[in-house]
Each structure stands twice: as structure tokens, then as C-alpha cells.
C-alpha atoms as a PDB file:
ATOM      1  CA  UNK A   1     119.937  75.799  61.589  1.00  0.00           C
ATOM      2  CA  UNK A   2     119.041  78.314  58.858  1.00  0.00           C
ATOM      3  CA  UNK A   3     120.522  81.395  58.499  1.00  0.00           C
ATOM      4  CA  UNK A   4     117.481  83.462  59.565  1.00  0.00           C
ATOM      5  CA  UNK A   5     117.650  81.226  63.103  1.00  0.00           C
ATOM      6  CA  UNK A   6     121.344  81.957  63.221  1.00  0.00           C
ATOM      7  CA  UNK A   7     120.932  85.409  62.946  1.00  0.00           C
ATOM      8  CA  UNK A   8     118.013  85.735  65.294  1.00  0.00           C
ATOM      9  CA  UNK A   9     119.987  83.699  67.734  1.00  0.00           C
ATOM     10  CA  UNK A  10     123.081  85.800  67.389  1.00  0.00           C
ATOM     11  CA  UNK A  11     120.661  89.453  67.590  1.00  0.00           C
ATOM     12  CA  UNK A  12     119.572  87.412  71.189  1.00  0.00           C
ATOM     13  CA  UNK A  13     123.060  86.899  72.446  1.00  0.00           C
ATOM     14  CA  UNK A  14     123.891  90.660  71.607  1.00  0.00           C
ATOM     15  CA  UNK A  15     120.658  91.743  72.709  1.00  0.00           C
ATOM     16  CA  UNK A  16     121.357  89.925  76.444  1.00  0.00           C
ATOM     17  CA  UNK A  17     125.196  90.965  76.622  1.00  0.00           C
ATOM     18  CA  UNK A  18     124.123  94.654  75.837  1.00  0.00           C
ATOM     19  CA  UNK A  19     121.554  94.790  78.623  1.00  0.00           C
ATOM     20  CA  UNK A  20     124.113  93.030  81.221  1.00  0.00           C
ATOM     21  CA  UNK A  21     126.703  95.477  80.106  1.00  0.00           C
ATOM     22  CA  UNK A  22     124.109  98.564  80.703  1.00  0.00           C
ATOM     23  CA  UNK A  23     123.058  96.819  84.079  1.00  0.00           C
ATOM     24  CA  UNK A  24     126.724  96.743  85.258  1.00  0.00           C
ATOM     25  CA  UNK A  25     126.861  95.778  89.344  1.00  0.00           C
ATOM     26  CA  UNK A  26     123.540  96.829  89.547  1.00  0.00           C
ATOM     27  CA  UNK A  27     122.139  93.826  91.553  1.00  0.00           C
ATOM     28  CA  UNK A  28     118.467  94.371  91.369  1.00  0.00           C
ATOM     29  CA  UNK A  29     118.882  95.327  87.351  1.00  0.00           C
ATOM     30  CA  UNK A  30     120.681  91.957  86.984  1.00  0.00           C
ATOM     31  CA  UNK A  31     117.943  90.334  88.928  1.00  0.00           C
ATOM     32  CA  UNK A  32     115.140  91.704  87.136  1.00  0.00           C
ATOM     33  CA  UNK A  33     117.148  90.487  83.610  1.00  0.00           C
ATOM     34  CA  UNK A  34     116.947  86.862  84.977  1.00  0.00           C
ATOM     35  CA  UNK A  35     113.364  86.893  85.666  1.00  0.00           C
ATOM     36  CA  UNK A  36     112.665  87.432  82.111  1.00  0.00           C
ATOM     37  CA  UNK A  37     112.646  83.861  80.294  1.00  0.00           C
ATOM     38  CA  UNK A  38     116.385  83.476  78.862  1.00  0.00           C
ATOM     39  CA  UNK A  39     116.846  80.274  76.540  1.00  0.00           C
ATOM     40  CA  UNK A  40     119.786  78.160  77.964  1.00  0.00           C
ATOM     41  CA  UNK A  41     121.967  78.277  74.740  1.00  0.00           C
ATOM     42  CA  UNK A  42     121.734  82.110  74.346  1.00  0.00           C
ATOM     43  CA  UNK A  43     122.973  82.296  78.187  1.00  0.00           C
ATOM     44  CA  UNK A  44     125.792  79.757  77.401  1.00  0.00           C
ATOM     45  CA  UNK A  45     126.746  81.957  74.687  1.00  0.00           C
ATOM     46  CA  UNK A  46     126.460  84.915  76.374  1.00  0.00           C
ATOM     47  CA  UNK A  47     128.638  83.327  79.117  1.00  0.00           C
ATOM     48  CA  UNK A  48     131.564  83.116  76.740  1.00  0.00           C
ATOM     49  CA  UNK A  49     132.029  86.917  77.008  1.00  0.00           C
ATOM     50  CA  UNK A  50     133.174  89.033  79.721  1.00  0.00           C
ATOM     51  CA  UNK A  51     130.135  89.831  81.622  1.00  0.00           C
ATOM     52  CA  UNK A  52     129.876  91.826  84.648  1.00  0.00           C
ATOM     53  CA  UNK A  53     131.099  89.931  88.007  1.00  0.00           C
ATOM     54  CA  UNK A  54     128.189  90.534  90.047  1.00  0.00           C
ATOM     55  CA  UNK A  55     125.888  88.914  87.386  1.00  0.00           C
ATOM     56  CA  UNK A  56     128.326  85.465  87.436  1.00  0.00           C
ATOM     57  CA  UNK A  57     127.484  85.342  91.337  1.00  0.00           C
ATOM     58  CA  UNK A  58     124.138  86.106  90.667  1.00  0.00           C
ATOM     59  CA  UNK A  59     123.361  83.468  88.384  1.00  0.00           C
ATOM     60  CA  UNK A  60     125.057  80.635  90.118  1.00  0.00           C
ATOM     61  CA  UNK A  61     122.853  81.534  93.016  1.00  0.00           C
ATOM     62  CA  UNK A  62     119.461  81.576  91.100  1.00  0.00           C
ATOM     63  CA  UNK A  63     117.479  78.807  90.345  1.00  0.00           C
ATOM     64  CA  UNK A  64     116.793  77.175  87.574  1.00  0.00           C
ATOM     65  CA  UNK A  65     120.574  78.420  86.550  1.00  0.00           C
ATOM     66  CA  UNK A  66     122.397  77.515  89.608  1.00  0.00           C
ATOM     67  CA  UNK A  67     120.984  73.664  89.011  1.00  0.00           C
ATOM     68  CA  UNK A  68     122.163  73.468  85.788  1.00  0.00           C
ATOM     69  CA  UNK A  69     125.736  71.667  85.096  1.00  0.00           C
ATOM     70  CA  UNK A  70     126.266  73.445  81.671  1.00  0.00           C
ATOM     71  CA  UNK A  71     125.684  76.995  82.523  1.00  0.00           C
ATOM     72  CA  UNK A  72     127.540  76.275  85.741  1.00  0.00           C
ATOM     73  CA  UNK A  73     130.692  75.188  83.401  1.00  0.00           C
ATOM     74  CA  UNK A  74     130.253  78.346  81.377  1.00  0.00           C
ATOM     75  CA  UNK A  75     130.458  80.543  84.849  1.00  0.00           C
ATOM     76  CA  UNK A  76     133.711  78.848  85.953  1.00  0.00           C
ATOM     77  CA  UNK A  77     135.043  79.190  82.229  1.00  0.00           C
ATOM     78  CA  UNK A  78     133.875  82.547  82.492  1.00  0.00           C
ATOM     79  CA  UNK A  79     137.027  85.289  81.695  1.00  0.00           C
ATOM     80  CA  UNK A  80     135.708  87.610  84.938  1.00  0.00           C
ATOM     81  CA  UNK A  81     134.705  84.933  87.304  1.00  0.00           C
ATOM     82  CA  UNK A  82     136.301  85.006  90.828  1.00  0.00           C
ATOM     83  CA  UNK A  83     138.353  82.188  91.890  1.00  0.00           C
ATOM     84  CA  UNK A  84     136.300  81.923  94.944  1.00  0.00           C
ATOM     85  CA  UNK A  85     132.975  81.285  92.951  1.00  0.00           C
ATOM     86  CA  UNK A  86     134.722  78.559  90.572  1.00  0.00           C
ATOM     87  CA  UNK A  87     136.252  76.719  93.364  1.00  0.00           C
ATOM     88  CA  UNK A  88     132.816  76.456  94.843  1.00  0.00           C
ATOM     89  CA  UNK A  89     130.836  75.494  91.667  1.00  0.00           C
ATOM     90  CA  UNK A  90     133.855  72.803  90.725  1.00  0.00           C
ATOM     91  CA  UNK A  91     132.178  70.056  92.835  1.00  0.00           C
ATOM     92  CA  UNK A  92     128.932  70.298  90.487  1.00  0.00           C
ATOM     93  CA  UNK A  93     130.391  69.594  86.912  1.00  0.00           C
ATOM     94  CA  UNK A  94     130.250  66.869  85.492  1.00  0.00           C
ATOM     95  CA  UNK A  95     133.702  65.118  84.893  1.00  0.00           C
ATOM     96  CA  UNK A  96     133.276  66.577  80.999  1.00  0.00           C
ATOM     97  CA  UNK A  97     132.907  69.815  82.228  1.00  0.00           C
ATOM     98  CA  UNK A  98     135.691  69.377  85.138  1.00  0.00           C
ATOM     99  CA  UNK A  99     138.268  67.985  82.111  1.00  0.00           C
ATOM    100  CA  UNK A 100     137.553  71.080  79.776  1.00  0.00           C
ATOM    101  CA  UNK A 101     137.881  73.451  83.062  1.00  0.00           C
ATOM    102  CA  UNK A 102     141.666  71.883  83.643  1.00  0.00           C
ATOM    103  CA  UNK A 103     142.564  72.248  80.213  1.00  0.00           C
ATOM    104  CA  UNK A 104     141.332  76.044  79.753  1.00  0.00           C
ATOM    105  CA  UNK A 105     144.600  78.139  80.381  1.00  0.00           C
ATOM    106  CA  UNK A 106     143.157  81.330  81.347  1.00  0.00           C
ATOM    107  CA  UNK A 107     141.454  79.457  84.309  1.00  0.00           C
ATOM    108  CA  UNK A 108     143.123  80.382  87.361  1.00  0.00           C
ATOM    109  CA  UNK A 109     145.774  77.847  88.390  1.00  0.00           C
ATOM    110  CA  UNK A 110     144.105  76.845  91.784  1.00  0.00           C
ATOM    111  CA  UNK A 111     141.065  76.354  89.865  1.00  0.00           C
ATOM    112  CA  UNK A 112     142.646  73.954  87.184  1.00  0.00           C
ATOM    113  CA  UNK A 113     144.388  71.998  90.158  1.00  0.00           C
ATOM    114  CA  UNK A 114     141.237  71.328  92.019  1.00  0.00           C
ATOM    115  CA  UNK A 115     139.447  70.564  88.763  1.00  0.00           C
ATOM    116  CA  UNK A 116     142.295  67.776  88.021  1.00  0.00           C
ATOM    117  CA  UNK A 117     141.871  66.807  91.770  1.00  0.00           C
ATOM    118  CA  UNK A 118     137.911  66.220  91.479  1.00  0.00           C
ATOM    119  CA  UNK A 119     138.719  64.174  88.408  1.00  0.00           C
ATOM    120  CA  UNK A 120     141.459  61.974  89.938  1.00  0.00           C
ATOM    121  CA  UNK A 121     139.085  61.093  92.581  1.00  0.00           C
ATOM    122  CA  UNK A 122     136.451  60.183  89.957  1.00  0.00           C
ATOM    123  CA  UNK A 123     138.225  58.523  87.921  1.00  0.00           C
ATOM    124  CA  UNK A 124     137.669  54.940  88.912  1.00  0.00           C
ATOM    125  CA  UNK A 125     133.602  55.440  89.034  1.00  0.00           C
ATOM    126  CA  UNK A 126     133.695  56.407  85.334  1.00  0.00           C
ATOM    127  CA  UNK A 127     132.313  53.931  82.643  1.00  0.00           C
ATOM    128  CA  UNK A 128     134.777  52.690  79.873  1.00  0.00           C
ATOM    129  CA  UNK A 129     133.697  55.084  77.293  1.00  0.00           C
ATOM    130  CA  UNK A 130     134.010  57.876  79.325  1.00  0.00           C
ATOM    131  CA  UNK A 131     137.879  56.895  80.625  1.00  0.00           C
ATOM    132  CA  UNK A 132     138.601  56.468  76.670  1.00  0.00           C
ATOM    133  CA  UNK A 133     137.425  60.046  75.893  1.00  0.00           C
ATOM    134  CA  UNK A 134     139.074  61.558  79.163  1.00  0.00           C
ATOM    135  CA  UNK A 135     142.181  59.808  78.270  1.00  0.00           C
ATOM    136  CA  UNK A 136     142.299  61.920  74.651  1.00  0.00           C
ATOM    137  CA  UNK A 137     141.745  65.119  76.076  1.00  0.00           C
ATOM    138  CA  UNK A 138     143.073  64.786  79.916  1.00  0.00           C
ATOM    139  CA  UNK A 139     145.861  67.157  81.099  1.00  0.00           C
ATOM    140  CA  UNK A 140     149.638  65.852  81.867  1.00  0.00           C
ATOM    141  CA  UNK A 141     148.668  65.308  85.755  1.00  0.00           C
ATOM    142  CA  UNK A 142     146.217  63.200  84.765  1.00  0.00           C
ATOM    143  CA  UNK A 143     147.733  60.886  82.045  1.00  0.00           C
ATOM    144  CA  UNK A 144     149.888  58.860  84.251  1.00  0.00           C
ATOM    145  CA  UNK A 145     146.681  57.320  86.046  1.00  0.00           C
ATOM    146  CA  UNK A 146     145.301  56.831  83.080  1.00  0.00           C
ATOM    147  CA  UNK A 147     148.001  54.947  81.484  1.00  0.00           C
ATOM    148  CA  UNK A 148     147.558  52.558  84.253  1.00  0.00           C
ATOM    149  CA  UNK A 149     144.556  51.453  83.290  1.00  0.00           C
ATOM    150  CA  UNK A 150     143.487  47.999  82.962  1.00  0.00           C
ATOM    151  CA  UNK A 151     141.793  48.543  79.858  1.00  0.00           C
ATOM    152  CA  UNK A 152     143.985  48.390  76.685  1.00  0.00           C
ATOM    153  CA  UNK A 153     141.477  51.367  74.856  1.00  0.00           C
ATOM    154  CA  UNK A 154     142.085  53.661  77.774  1.00  0.00           C
ATOM    155  CA  UNK A 155     145.821  53.526  77.522  1.00  0.00           C
ATOM    156  CA  UNK A 156     145.825  53.535  73.499  1.00  0.00           C
ATOM    157  CA  UNK A 157     143.774  56.640  73.897  1.00  0.00           C
ATOM    158  CA  UNK A 158     146.131  58.024  76.507  1.00  0.00           C
ATOM    159  CA  UNK A 159     149.412  57.491  74.195  1.00  0.00           C
ATOM    160  CA  UNK A 160     147.515  59.168  71.573  1.00  0.00           C
ATOM    161  CA  UNK A 161     147.066  62.370  73.836  1.00  0.00           C
ATOM    162  CA  UNK A 162     149.220  65.938  72.513  1.00  0.00           C
ATOM    163  CA  UNK A 163     149.648  66.533  76.426  1.00  0.00           C
ATOM    164  CA  UNK A 164     151.617  63.346  76.804  1.00  0.00           C
ATOM    165  CA  UNK A 165     154.976  63.978  77.693  1.00  0.00           C
ATOM    166  CA  UNK A 166     157.818  61.482  77.522  1.00  0.00           C
ATOM    167  CA  UNK A 167     158.926  61.629  81.162  1.00  0.00           C
ATOM    168  CA  UNK A 168     155.363  60.695  82.199  1.00  0.00           C
ATOM    169  CA  UNK A 169     155.449  57.515  79.959  1.00  0.00           C
ATOM    170  CA  UNK A 170     159.143  56.445  81.206  1.00  0.00           C
ATOM    171  CA  UNK A 171     157.736  56.699  84.533  1.00  0.00           C
ATOM    172  CA  UNK A 172     154.830  54.524  83.988  1.00  0.00           C
ATOM    173  CA  UNK A 173     156.837  52.042  82.273  1.00  0.00           C
ATOM    174  CA  UNK A 174     159.505  52.270  84.890  1.00  0.00           C
ATOM    175  CA  UNK A 175     156.529  51.252  87.358  1.00  0.00           C
ATOM    176  CA  UNK A 176     155.591  48.459  86.032  1.00  0.00           C
END
């Protein structure tokens, strides 16, 4: 990205964020903002900032944004999202986005736990490469299951995970 393009993207992010802050909790003004064409990258960048909670609710319910997992993941990871909205959106996220939510320390504990549970449910359906990647970034509760995988590359990646605790490793070794 050129410097000029980067500056234009940053200006678009700042402009949308300022408009959202001016709209505050006014649902009509927020809906009006969503009717305007918005670049997905700009929207995702804005969602990294604190935005009005009513905007997050509206965004999660407004097509086409309500159908885009990348946008929904940023809604869940937003610092001002409600726990209820986050829990409702988790089922629509991919395994990679669930792993990001599970690892985010600012996300409510109930949301992180639910993300880990959903990851545990899809674990056996993941392709080998996805299991290896997940092993590298999984949170502590998932690592024991990944250490029991049949594929040595998944186990090796889990052993290199900085979240692996000695007691988890000992528990897995004793199970064998």
C-alpha cells in the first residue's frame, strides 16, 4: 500500500469513527450511516476502536454485514460489545476467529469459555493444516486435546505453544 493510499484509508477510518461518535446511540442516524457504502477493511479497522454499543447491535443485525464472519468477529472482539451479543455471534465465526476470541484477555470470561467450547466441538472436523495452526495458538484448555492428536505435527506444534503448562503435559503423558 502506498503512503497516499494508507493515508486515505486512515482518513476514511477516522471519518467513519467520528461519524459514529456523533451519532451516539441514535438508531436512525446509525442506520443512515450503514446505508452508505462502506469498505469492509475500513469497517473492520473502525471496529478495533470503541464505538457506540447500539452500533454494534445494529451492525450484527444488518445485511450484508451480519453475514460476514470477519466483521462479526471484530464485533465480538470490540471492547464495548455486550456479553449477550458476543455469545449470540460466536456460532457464526470460523475456527480461526474463535481462537482469536478465546485468546483475547479483554473479552468477557463467559465469551472466551464458549469460544473454547465451540473450538473443542469442531476440533475433530478440522483439516490437518488447521489443527497444526490451532495447536500453535490455542489456549490452555484446548492444548491437552491437541496433544492427544494422532498426527505428530499437531503434537509438535502444541508442544511449542507458549500457553502450554507443565501440568497439562504431565496429565497427558500419564494418560497414555
